[in-house]
Amino acid sequence: MSEVTAVSKNLRVSPKKVRLIAYNLRGKNAESALESLRFVPRKAATPLYKVLKSAIANAKNNFKLEIAHLKIKELLVDEGKTMKRYRPVSRGAAHQILKRTTHIKVVLEGEN
């Protein structure tokens, strides 16, 4: 069994939104997960699709693994840096705006 990884960091999508989609993909066949991600109508599906596609390409080109035998072993969605911005409001006050970022790590498992 070989493990192949792909990582994407500092994506400007909230981790909470990405986790909603990632929850449904864990343990699935990589090819079917990639196909199902194409039809998810959420902003967070696009970066997940790209990272999964990258992991599949790494397995195929670097490790000579067959795509049909790849399975998602791990799908980690972690919080990245949070950019802090302020919005002016009445009486000279300011409300804080948190622009969250996400780190996604996909680990695929396949047979040689």
C-alpha atoms as a PDB file:
ATOM      1  CA  MET A   1       0.000   0.000   0.000  1.00  0.00           C
ATOM      2  CA  SER A   2       1.339   3.397  -1.020  1.00  0.00           C
ATOM      3  CA  GLU A   3       0.255   6.764   0.254  1.00  0.00           C
ATOM      4  CA  VAL A   4       0.088   9.834  -1.952  1.00  0.00           C
ATOM      5  CA  THR A   5      -0.570  13.349  -0.694  1.00  0.00           C
ATOM      6  CA  ALA A   6      -1.555  16.736  -2.078  1.00  0.00           C
ATOM      7  CA  VAL A   7      -1.814  19.932  -0.060  1.00  0.00           C
ATOM      8  CA  SER A   8      -3.346  23.335  -0.687  1.00  0.00           C
ATOM      9  CA  LYS A   9      -2.775  26.160   1.767  1.00  0.00           C
ATOM     10  CA  ASN A  10      -4.255  29.578   2.512  1.00  0.00           C
ATOM     11  CA  LEU A  11      -7.455  29.185   0.503  1.00  0.00           C
ATOM     12  CA  ARG A  12      -9.850  32.092   0.985  1.00  0.00           C
ATOM     13  CA  VAL A  13     -12.774  29.889   1.994  1.00  0.00           C
ATOM     14  CA  SER A  14     -13.912  29.307   5.545  1.00  0.00           C
ATOM     15  CA  PRO A  15     -12.879  25.857   6.880  1.00  0.00           C
ATOM     16  CA  LYS A  16     -16.410  25.312   8.164  1.00  0.00           C
ATOM     17  CA  LYS A  17     -17.755  25.521   4.611  1.00  0.00           C
ATOM     18  CA  VAL A  18     -15.124  23.128   3.254  1.00  0.00           C
ATOM     19  CA  ARG A  19     -15.708  20.587   6.037  1.00  0.00           C
ATOM     20  CA  LEU A  20     -19.383  20.320   5.066  1.00  0.00           C
ATOM     21  CA  ILE A  21     -18.351  18.890   1.713  1.00  0.00           C
ATOM     22  CA  ALA A  22     -15.253  16.988   2.875  1.00  0.00           C
ATOM     23  CA  TYR A  23     -17.310  14.993   5.373  1.00  0.00           C
ATOM     24  CA  ASN A  24     -19.103  13.204   2.502  1.00  0.00           C
ATOM     25  CA  LEU A  25     -15.893  12.268   0.662  1.00  0.00           C
ATOM     26  CA  ARG A  26     -13.872  10.486   3.349  1.00  0.00           C
ATOM     27  CA  GLY A  27     -13.326   6.791   2.647  1.00  0.00           C
ATOM     28  CA  LYS A  28     -14.697   6.987  -0.898  1.00  0.00           C
ATOM     29  CA  ASN A  29     -13.048   5.820  -4.086  1.00  0.00           C
ATOM     30  CA  ALA A  30     -10.996   8.754  -5.417  1.00  0.00           C
ATOM     31  CA  GLU A  31     -12.461   8.598  -8.917  1.00  0.00           C
ATOM     32  CA  SER A  32     -16.082   8.582  -7.748  1.00  0.00           C
ATOM     33  CA  ALA A  33     -15.385  11.361  -5.221  1.00  0.00           C
ATOM     34  CA  LEU A  34     -13.899  13.503  -7.994  1.00  0.00           C
ATOM     35  CA  GLU A  35     -16.942  12.886 -10.172  1.00  0.00           C
ATOM     36  CA  SER A  36     -19.405  13.726  -7.393  1.00  0.00           C
ATOM     37  CA  LEU A  37     -17.530  16.967  -6.555  1.00  0.00           C
ATOM     38  CA  ARG A  38     -18.212  18.276 -10.062  1.00  0.00           C
ATOM     39  CA  PHE A  39     -21.912  18.578  -9.240  1.00  0.00           C
ATOM     40  CA  VAL A  40     -21.739  20.135  -5.770  1.00  0.00           C
ATOM     41  CA  PRO A  41     -23.092  23.703  -6.097  1.00  0.00           C
ATOM     42  CA  ARG A  42     -20.915  25.323  -3.420  1.00  0.00           C
ATOM     43  CA  LYS A  43     -17.879  27.577  -3.603  1.00  0.00           C
ATOM     44  CA  ALA A  44     -15.838  25.227  -1.405  1.00  0.00           C
ATOM     45  CA  ALA A  45     -16.231  22.325  -3.863  1.00  0.00           C
ATOM     46  CA  THR A  46     -13.850  23.872  -6.413  1.00  0.00           C
ATOM     47  CA  PRO A  47     -10.693  23.923  -4.251  1.00  0.00           C
ATOM     48  CA  LEU A  48     -11.478  20.435  -2.948  1.00  0.00           C
ATOM     49  CA  TYR A  49     -11.858  19.228  -6.534  1.00  0.00           C
ATOM     50  CA  LYS A  50      -8.492  20.743  -7.486  1.00  0.00           C
ATOM     51  CA  VAL A  51      -6.620  19.236  -4.532  1.00  0.00           C
ATOM     52  CA  LEU A  52      -8.139  15.796  -5.119  1.00  0.00           C
ATOM     53  CA  LYS A  53      -7.314  16.007  -8.823  1.00  0.00           C
ATOM     54  CA  SER A  54      -3.735  16.962  -7.929  1.00  0.00           C
ATOM     55  CA  ALA A  55      -3.421  13.987  -5.559  1.00  0.00           C
ATOM     56  CA  ILE A  56      -4.681  11.647  -8.291  1.00  0.00           C
ATOM     57  CA  ALA A  57      -2.179  13.122 -10.759  1.00  0.00           C
ATOM     58  CA  ASN A  58       0.626  12.654  -8.194  1.00  0.00           C
ATOM     59  CA  ALA A  59      -0.339   9.001  -7.754  1.00  0.00           C
ATOM     60  CA  LYS A  60      -0.478   8.385 -11.475  1.00  0.00           C
ATOM     61  CA  ASN A  61       2.689  10.236 -12.540  1.00  0.00           C
ATOM     62  CA  ASN A  62       5.008   9.897  -9.542  1.00  0.00           C
ATOM     63  CA  PHE A  63       4.043   6.492  -8.144  1.00  0.00           C
ATOM     64  CA  LYS A  64       2.641   4.744 -11.268  1.00  0.00           C
ATOM     65  CA  LEU A  65      -0.568   3.774  -9.443  1.00  0.00           C
ATOM     66  CA  GLU A  66      -3.819   2.930 -11.195  1.00  0.00           C
ATOM     67  CA  ILE A  67      -6.566   5.497 -10.682  1.00  0.00           C
ATOM     68  CA  ALA A  68      -9.256   2.832 -10.276  1.00  0.00           C
ATOM     69  CA  HIS A  69      -7.576   1.443  -7.131  1.00  0.00           C
ATOM     70  CA  LEU A  70      -7.129   4.762  -5.307  1.00  0.00           C
ATOM     71  CA  LYS A  71      -9.119   5.440  -2.155  1.00  0.00           C
ATOM     72  CA  ILE A  72      -9.285   8.544   0.045  1.00  0.00           C
ATOM     73  CA  LYS A  73      -7.546   7.545   3.253  1.00  0.00           C
ATOM     74  CA  GLU A  74      -7.441  10.985   4.892  1.00  0.00           C
ATOM     75  CA  LEU A  75      -9.010  14.325   4.101  1.00  0.00           C
ATOM     76  CA  LEU A  76      -7.899  17.026   6.519  1.00  0.00           C
ATOM     77  CA  VAL A  77      -9.402  20.510   6.520  1.00  0.00           C
ATOM     78  CA  ASP A  78      -7.532  22.783   8.907  1.00  0.00           C
ATOM     79  CA  GLU A  79      -7.801  26.449   9.716  1.00  0.00           C
ATOM     80  CA  GLY A  80      -5.137  28.712   8.232  1.00  0.00           C
ATOM     81  CA  LYS A  81      -4.284  32.286   9.099  1.00  0.00           C
ATOM     82  CA  THR A  82      -7.145  34.643   9.800  1.00  0.00           C
ATOM     83  CA  MET A  83      -6.962  38.087   8.243  1.00  0.00           C
ATOM     84  CA  LYS A  84      -8.451  40.707  10.522  1.00  0.00           C
ATOM     85  CA  ARG A  85     -10.249  43.684   9.041  1.00  0.00           C
ATOM     86  CA  TYR A  86     -12.360  46.406  10.604  1.00  0.00           C
ATOM     87  CA  ARG A  87     -15.596  48.053   9.514  1.00  0.00           C
ATOM     88  CA  PRO A  88     -16.334  51.526  10.855  1.00  0.00           C
ATOM     89  CA  VAL A  89     -19.680  51.936  12.595  1.00  0.00           C
ATOM     90  CA  SER A  90     -21.434  54.758  14.417  1.00  0.00           C
ATOM     91  CA  ARG A  91     -19.940  56.773  17.275  1.00  0.00           C
ATOM     92  CA  GLY A  92     -16.373  56.188  16.125  1.00  0.00           C
ATOM     93  CA  ALA A  93     -16.477  52.474  16.882  1.00  0.00           C
ATOM     94  CA  ALA A  94     -15.365  49.591  14.666  1.00  0.00           C
ATOM     95  CA  HIS A  95     -16.594  46.037  14.196  1.00  0.00           C
ATOM     96  CA  GLN A  96     -14.078  43.305  13.514  1.00  0.00           C
ATOM     97  CA  ILE A  97     -14.346  41.208  10.346  1.00  0.00           C
ATOM     98  CA  LEU A  98     -12.515  37.858  10.296  1.00  0.00           C
ATOM     99  CA  LYS A  99     -11.505  36.615   6.849  1.00  0.00           C
ATOM    100  CA  ARG A 100     -10.684  32.982   7.423  1.00  0.00           C
ATOM    101  CA  THR A 101      -8.396  30.786   5.334  1.00  0.00           C
ATOM    102  CA  THR A 102      -8.164  27.020   4.949  1.00  0.00           C
ATOM    103  CA  HIS A 103      -5.497  24.344   4.543  1.00  0.00           C
ATOM    104  CA  ILE A 104      -6.620  21.159   2.756  1.00  0.00           C
ATOM    105  CA  LYS A 105      -4.613  17.931   2.787  1.00  0.00           C
ATOM    106  CA  VAL A 106      -5.675  14.847   0.816  1.00  0.00           C
ATOM    107  CA  VAL A 107      -4.028  11.467   1.415  1.00  0.00           C
ATOM    108  CA  LEU A 108      -4.812   8.723  -1.099  1.00  0.00           C
ATOM    109  CA  GLU A 109      -4.108   5.057  -0.592  1.00  0.00           C
ATOM    110  CA  GLY A 110      -3.452   2.703  -3.485  1.00  0.00           C
ATOM    111  CA  GLU A 111      -1.989  -0.635  -4.432  1.00  0.00           C
ATOM    112  CA  ASN A 112       1.182  -1.006  -6.499  1.00  0.00           C
END
